[in-house]
């Protein structure tokens, strides 16, 4: 599966999920406990990012800088809210992974 499968991998209990949830003060539950609006906005963000990756296919450095800017803004926002280091690193790694996957998919399509 493409990028939408990545959130499940990064936040699953067998990889980073337990530390991520602990840092956020959340309890891991079933899929029915997921906030619908957050998931819809996440999907919309991935769609917009994939359009950006497609438009910037000839300018990979610009796309990499856009991903880096997102990571820095996201990380600083999490520092304001005093989230734990595990949650911050997991979210930053997720954004980098999404950027890499979108870049690779666009390179081969």
N, C-alpha and C. Protein backbone atom coordinates (compact mmCIF):
# COMPACT_ATOMS: atom_id res chain seq x y z
N UNK A 1 0.83 -1.19 0.00
CA UNK A 1 0.00 0.00 0.00
C UNK A 1 0.87 1.25 0.00
N UNK A 2 0.32 2.37 -0.43
CA UNK A 2 1.07 3.62 -0.51
C UNK A 2 1.13 4.36 0.81
N UNK A 3 1.34 5.64 0.76
CA UNK A 3 1.53 6.45 1.97
C UNK A 3 0.45 6.33 3.04
N UNK A 4 -0.85 6.15 2.70
CA UNK A 4 -1.82 6.04 3.79
C UNK A 4 -1.54 4.88 4.74
N UNK A 5 -0.77 3.88 4.30
CA UNK A 5 -0.45 2.76 5.19
C UNK A 5 0.63 3.14 6.20
N UNK A 6 1.39 4.17 5.92
CA UNK A 6 2.49 4.55 6.80
C UNK A 6 2.02 4.96 8.19
N UNK A 7 0.94 5.75 8.35
CA UNK A 7 0.55 6.13 9.71
C UNK A 7 0.29 4.92 10.59
N UNK A 8 -0.33 3.90 10.03
CA UNK A 8 -0.59 2.70 10.81
C UNK A 8 0.68 2.01 11.24
N UNK A 9 1.71 2.05 10.41
CA UNK A 9 2.99 1.43 10.75
C UNK A 9 3.71 2.23 11.83
N UNK A 10 3.74 3.54 11.69
CA UNK A 10 4.46 4.38 12.64
C UNK A 10 3.78 4.40 14.00
N UNK A 11 2.48 4.35 14.03
CA UNK A 11 1.76 4.46 15.30
C UNK A 11 1.24 3.13 15.80
N UNK A 12 1.65 2.04 15.15
CA UNK A 12 1.20 0.74 15.63
C UNK A 12 1.97 0.35 16.89
N UNK A 13 1.37 -0.44 17.76
CA UNK A 13 2.03 -0.79 19.01
C UNK A 13 3.35 -1.51 18.82
N UNK A 14 3.53 -2.26 17.73
CA UNK A 14 4.75 -3.03 17.56
C UNK A 14 5.93 -2.18 17.12
N UNK A 15 5.74 -0.94 16.73
CA UNK A 15 6.87 -0.13 16.31
C UNK A 15 7.08 1.05 17.25
N UNK A 16 6.32 2.10 17.11
CA UNK A 16 6.49 3.29 17.94
C UNK A 16 5.24 3.65 18.73
N UNK A 17 4.15 2.94 18.51
CA UNK A 17 2.85 3.34 19.05
C UNK A 17 2.77 3.50 20.55
N UNK A 18 3.38 2.58 21.30
CA UNK A 18 3.26 2.65 22.75
C UNK A 18 3.94 3.90 23.31
N UNK A 19 5.16 4.18 22.86
CA UNK A 19 5.87 5.38 23.32
C UNK A 19 5.19 6.65 22.86
N UNK A 20 4.70 6.63 21.61
CA UNK A 20 4.00 7.79 21.05
C UNK A 20 2.75 8.09 21.87
N UNK A 21 1.95 7.06 22.13
CA UNK A 21 0.71 7.25 22.89
C UNK A 21 1.01 7.68 24.33
N UNK A 22 2.05 7.11 24.92
CA UNK A 22 2.41 7.47 26.30
C UNK A 22 2.79 8.95 26.38
N UNK A 23 3.60 9.42 25.42
CA UNK A 23 4.02 10.83 25.40
C UNK A 23 2.84 11.77 25.22
N UNK A 24 1.80 11.31 24.55
CA UNK A 24 0.62 12.14 24.32
C UNK A 24 -0.44 11.97 25.41
N UNK A 25 -0.22 11.03 26.31
CA UNK A 25 -1.20 10.78 27.36
C UNK A 25 -2.43 10.07 26.83
N UNK A 26 -2.25 9.25 25.78
CA UNK A 26 -3.37 8.53 25.17
C UNK A 26 -3.30 7.06 25.50
N UNK A 27 -4.43 6.40 25.40
CA UNK A 27 -4.48 4.95 25.52
C UNK A 27 -4.76 4.39 24.14
N UNK A 28 -3.99 3.36 23.77
CA UNK A 28 -4.22 2.73 22.48
C UNK A 28 -5.49 1.90 22.56
N UNK A 29 -6.36 2.11 21.61
CA UNK A 29 -7.63 1.38 21.58
C UNK A 29 -7.85 0.77 20.22
N UNK A 30 -9.09 0.53 19.90
CA UNK A 30 -9.44 -0.06 18.61
C UNK A 30 -9.57 1.03 17.55
N UNK A 31 -9.68 0.59 16.32
CA UNK A 31 -9.82 1.54 15.21
C UNK A 31 -11.10 2.36 15.33
N UNK A 32 -12.10 1.84 16.02
CA UNK A 32 -13.35 2.58 16.16
C UNK A 32 -13.20 3.79 17.09
N UNK A 33 -12.09 3.86 17.83
CA UNK A 33 -11.84 4.99 18.72
C UNK A 33 -11.12 6.15 18.03
N UNK A 34 -10.78 5.98 16.76
CA UNK A 34 -10.03 7.01 16.04
C UNK A 34 -10.92 8.22 15.76
N UNK A 35 -10.39 9.44 15.92
CA UNK A 35 -11.17 10.65 15.62
C UNK A 35 -11.34 10.80 14.11
N UNK A 36 -12.58 10.79 13.67
CA UNK A 36 -12.89 10.79 12.24
C UNK A 36 -12.37 12.06 11.56
N UNK A 37 -12.59 13.23 12.14
CA UNK A 37 -12.16 14.47 11.51
C UNK A 37 -10.63 14.51 11.37
N UNK A 38 -9.92 14.04 12.38
CA UNK A 38 -8.46 14.02 12.30
C UNK A 38 -8.00 13.11 11.16
N UNK A 39 -8.64 11.97 11.00
CA UNK A 39 -8.27 11.04 9.93
C UNK A 39 -8.60 11.64 8.56
N UNK A 40 -9.74 12.32 8.43
CA UNK A 40 -10.11 12.96 7.16
C UNK A 40 -9.12 14.07 6.80
N UNK A 41 -8.77 14.90 7.78
CA UNK A 41 -7.81 15.97 7.52
C UNK A 41 -6.43 15.41 7.19
N UNK A 42 -6.07 14.31 7.83
CA UNK A 42 -4.79 13.67 7.53
C UNK A 42 -4.76 13.19 6.08
N UNK A 43 -5.85 12.56 5.65
CA UNK A 43 -5.95 12.11 4.27
C UNK A 43 -5.90 13.27 3.28
N UNK A 44 -6.58 14.37 3.62
CA UNK A 44 -6.55 15.56 2.76
C UNK A 44 -5.14 16.14 2.68
N UNK A 45 -4.43 16.15 3.80
CA UNK A 45 -3.06 16.64 3.81
C UNK A 45 -2.15 15.78 2.95
N UNK A 46 -2.32 14.46 3.01
CA UNK A 46 -1.53 13.57 2.16
C UNK A 46 -1.84 13.79 0.69
N UNK A 47 -3.11 14.02 0.37
CA UNK A 47 -3.49 14.29 -1.01
C UNK A 47 -2.83 15.57 -1.50
N UNK A 48 -2.90 16.63 -0.70
CA UNK A 48 -2.27 17.90 -1.09
C UNK A 48 -0.76 17.76 -1.23
N UNK A 49 -0.15 17.00 -0.34
CA UNK A 49 1.29 16.79 -0.41
C UNK A 49 1.66 15.98 -1.65
N UNK A 50 0.82 15.03 -2.04
CA UNK A 50 1.10 14.25 -3.24
C UNK A 50 0.98 15.12 -4.50
N UNK A 51 0.05 16.08 -4.50
CA UNK A 51 -0.06 17.02 -5.62
C UNK A 51 1.20 17.88 -5.68
N UNK A 52 1.67 18.35 -4.53
CA UNK A 52 2.90 19.14 -4.48
C UNK A 52 4.08 18.32 -5.00
N UNK A 53 4.17 17.06 -4.59
CA UNK A 53 5.27 16.20 -5.05
C UNK A 53 5.21 16.03 -6.56
N UNK A 54 4.01 15.89 -7.10
CA UNK A 54 3.84 15.74 -8.54
C UNK A 54 4.26 17.01 -9.28
N UNK A 55 3.83 18.16 -8.78
CA UNK A 55 4.15 19.43 -9.43
C UNK A 55 5.64 19.76 -9.34
N UNK A 56 6.29 19.30 -8.29
CA UNK A 56 7.71 19.62 -8.09
C UNK A 56 8.63 18.45 -8.47
N UNK A 57 8.13 17.56 -9.31
CA UNK A 57 8.91 16.39 -9.70
C UNK A 57 10.23 16.79 -10.35
N UNK A 58 10.23 17.85 -11.12
CA UNK A 58 11.46 18.32 -11.77
C UNK A 58 12.36 19.10 -10.82
N UNK A 59 11.86 19.43 -9.64
CA UNK A 59 12.63 20.20 -8.66
C UNK A 59 12.67 19.45 -7.32
N UNK A 60 13.37 18.32 -7.26
CA UNK A 60 13.35 17.51 -6.03
C UNK A 60 13.91 18.22 -4.81
N UNK A 61 14.86 19.13 -5.00
CA UNK A 61 15.42 19.86 -3.86
C UNK A 61 14.37 20.77 -3.23
N UNK A 62 13.54 21.39 -4.05
CA UNK A 62 12.48 22.25 -3.52
C UNK A 62 11.48 21.41 -2.71
N UNK A 63 11.14 20.23 -3.22
CA UNK A 63 10.23 19.35 -2.48
C UNK A 63 10.87 18.91 -1.16
N UNK A 64 12.15 18.58 -1.18
CA UNK A 64 12.86 18.19 0.05
C UNK A 64 12.86 19.34 1.05
N UNK A 65 13.05 20.57 0.58
CA UNK A 65 13.01 21.73 1.47
C UNK A 65 11.61 21.94 2.04
N UNK A 66 10.58 21.68 1.25
CA UNK A 66 9.21 21.80 1.74
C UNK A 66 8.95 20.78 2.85
N UNK A 67 9.42 19.55 2.66
CA UNK A 67 9.27 18.52 3.69
C UNK A 67 10.04 18.91 4.94
N UNK A 68 11.27 19.39 4.76
CA UNK A 68 12.08 19.82 5.90
C UNK A 68 11.40 20.96 6.67
N UNK A 69 10.82 21.91 5.94
CA UNK A 69 10.10 23.01 6.59
C UNK A 69 8.92 22.47 7.40
N UNK A 70 8.19 21.50 6.83
CA UNK A 70 7.06 20.91 7.56
C UNK A 70 7.54 20.22 8.84
N UNK A 71 8.66 19.50 8.74
CA UNK A 71 9.21 18.81 9.92
C UNK A 71 9.58 19.82 11.00
N UNK A 72 10.26 20.90 10.61
CA UNK A 72 10.70 21.91 11.58
C UNK A 72 9.50 22.60 12.24
N UNK A 73 8.52 23.02 11.43
CA UNK A 73 7.32 23.66 12.00
C UNK A 73 6.56 22.71 12.92
N UNK A 74 6.38 21.48 12.47
CA UNK A 74 5.66 20.48 13.26
C UNK A 74 6.40 20.21 14.58
N UNK A 75 7.71 20.05 14.50
CA UNK A 75 8.51 19.77 15.70
C UNK A 75 8.44 20.94 16.68
N UNK A 76 8.57 22.16 16.16
CA UNK A 76 8.51 23.32 17.06
C UNK A 76 7.13 23.45 17.70
N UNK A 77 6.09 23.15 16.94
CA UNK A 77 4.74 23.19 17.50
C UNK A 77 4.60 22.19 18.64
N UNK A 78 5.17 21.01 18.45
CA UNK A 78 5.11 20.00 19.51
C UNK A 78 5.91 20.42 20.74
N UNK A 79 6.99 21.15 20.53
CA UNK A 79 7.76 21.64 21.68
C UNK A 79 6.96 22.67 22.48
N UNK A 80 6.17 23.48 21.79
CA UNK A 80 5.30 24.44 22.49
C UNK A 80 4.28 23.71 23.37
N UNK A 81 3.78 22.58 22.89
CA UNK A 81 2.78 21.83 23.65
C UNK A 81 3.42 20.85 24.63
N UNK A 82 4.75 20.84 24.68
CA UNK A 82 5.51 20.01 25.63
C UNK A 82 5.22 18.53 25.49
N UNK A 83 5.14 18.09 24.24
CA UNK A 83 5.00 16.66 23.99
C UNK A 83 6.33 15.97 24.26
N UNK A 84 6.28 14.69 24.49
CA UNK A 84 7.49 13.93 24.77
C UNK A 84 8.36 13.75 23.55
N UNK A 85 9.62 13.42 23.79
CA UNK A 85 10.60 13.25 22.72
C UNK A 85 10.23 12.11 21.77
N UNK A 86 9.68 11.03 22.30
CA UNK A 86 9.30 9.90 21.44
C UNK A 86 8.22 10.31 20.45
N UNK A 87 7.21 11.02 20.91
CA UNK A 87 6.14 11.47 20.02
C UNK A 87 6.68 12.45 18.98
N UNK A 88 7.55 13.36 19.39
CA UNK A 88 8.14 14.32 18.45
C UNK A 88 8.95 13.62 17.37
N UNK A 89 9.81 12.70 17.80
CA UNK A 89 10.67 11.99 16.84
C UNK A 89 9.84 11.11 15.91
N UNK A 90 8.80 10.47 16.44
CA UNK A 90 7.93 9.63 15.61
C UNK A 90 7.23 10.45 14.55
N UNK A 91 6.68 11.59 14.93
CA UNK A 91 5.99 12.44 13.96
C UNK A 91 6.95 13.02 12.92
N UNK A 92 8.14 13.41 13.35
CA UNK A 92 9.14 13.93 12.40
C UNK A 92 9.56 12.83 11.43
N UNK A 93 9.80 11.64 11.95
CA UNK A 93 10.17 10.52 11.08
C UNK A 93 9.07 10.16 10.11
N UNK A 94 7.83 10.26 10.57
CA UNK A 94 6.69 9.99 9.69
C UNK A 94 6.66 10.95 8.51
N UNK A 95 6.86 12.24 8.78
CA UNK A 95 6.85 13.23 7.70
C UNK A 95 7.98 12.98 6.70
N UNK A 96 9.15 12.64 7.19
CA UNK A 96 10.28 12.34 6.30
C UNK A 96 9.96 11.09 5.47
N UNK A 97 9.39 10.06 6.10
CA UNK A 97 9.04 8.83 5.38
C UNK A 97 8.00 9.10 4.30
N UNK A 98 6.99 9.90 4.62
CA UNK A 98 5.97 10.25 3.62
C UNK A 98 6.61 10.98 2.45
N UNK A 99 7.49 11.94 2.74
CA UNK A 99 8.18 12.67 1.68
C UNK A 99 8.99 11.75 0.79
N UNK A 100 9.70 10.80 1.40
CA UNK A 100 10.49 9.85 0.61
C UNK A 100 9.61 8.95 -0.25
N UNK A 101 8.53 8.44 0.34
CA UNK A 101 7.63 7.57 -0.42
C UNK A 101 7.00 8.33 -1.58
N UNK A 102 6.53 9.53 -1.34
CA UNK A 102 5.92 10.32 -2.42
C UNK A 102 6.94 10.63 -3.51
N UNK A 103 8.17 10.93 -3.13
CA UNK A 103 9.21 11.21 -4.11
C UNK A 103 9.51 9.98 -4.96
N UNK A 104 9.63 8.83 -4.31
CA UNK A 104 9.92 7.60 -5.04
C UNK A 104 8.78 7.19 -5.95
N UNK A 105 7.55 7.30 -5.47
CA UNK A 105 6.40 6.95 -6.30
C UNK A 105 6.33 7.87 -7.52
N UNK A 106 6.54 9.16 -7.32
CA UNK A 106 6.51 10.09 -8.45
C UNK A 106 7.65 9.85 -9.41
N UNK A 107 8.79 9.40 -8.92
CA UNK A 107 9.93 9.13 -9.80
C UNK A 107 9.65 7.94 -10.72
N UNK A 108 8.87 6.98 -10.24
CA UNK A 108 8.62 5.77 -11.02
C UNK A 108 7.34 5.83 -11.84
N UNK A 109 6.49 6.82 -11.61
CA UNK A 109 5.23 6.90 -12.37
C UNK A 109 5.36 7.72 -13.61
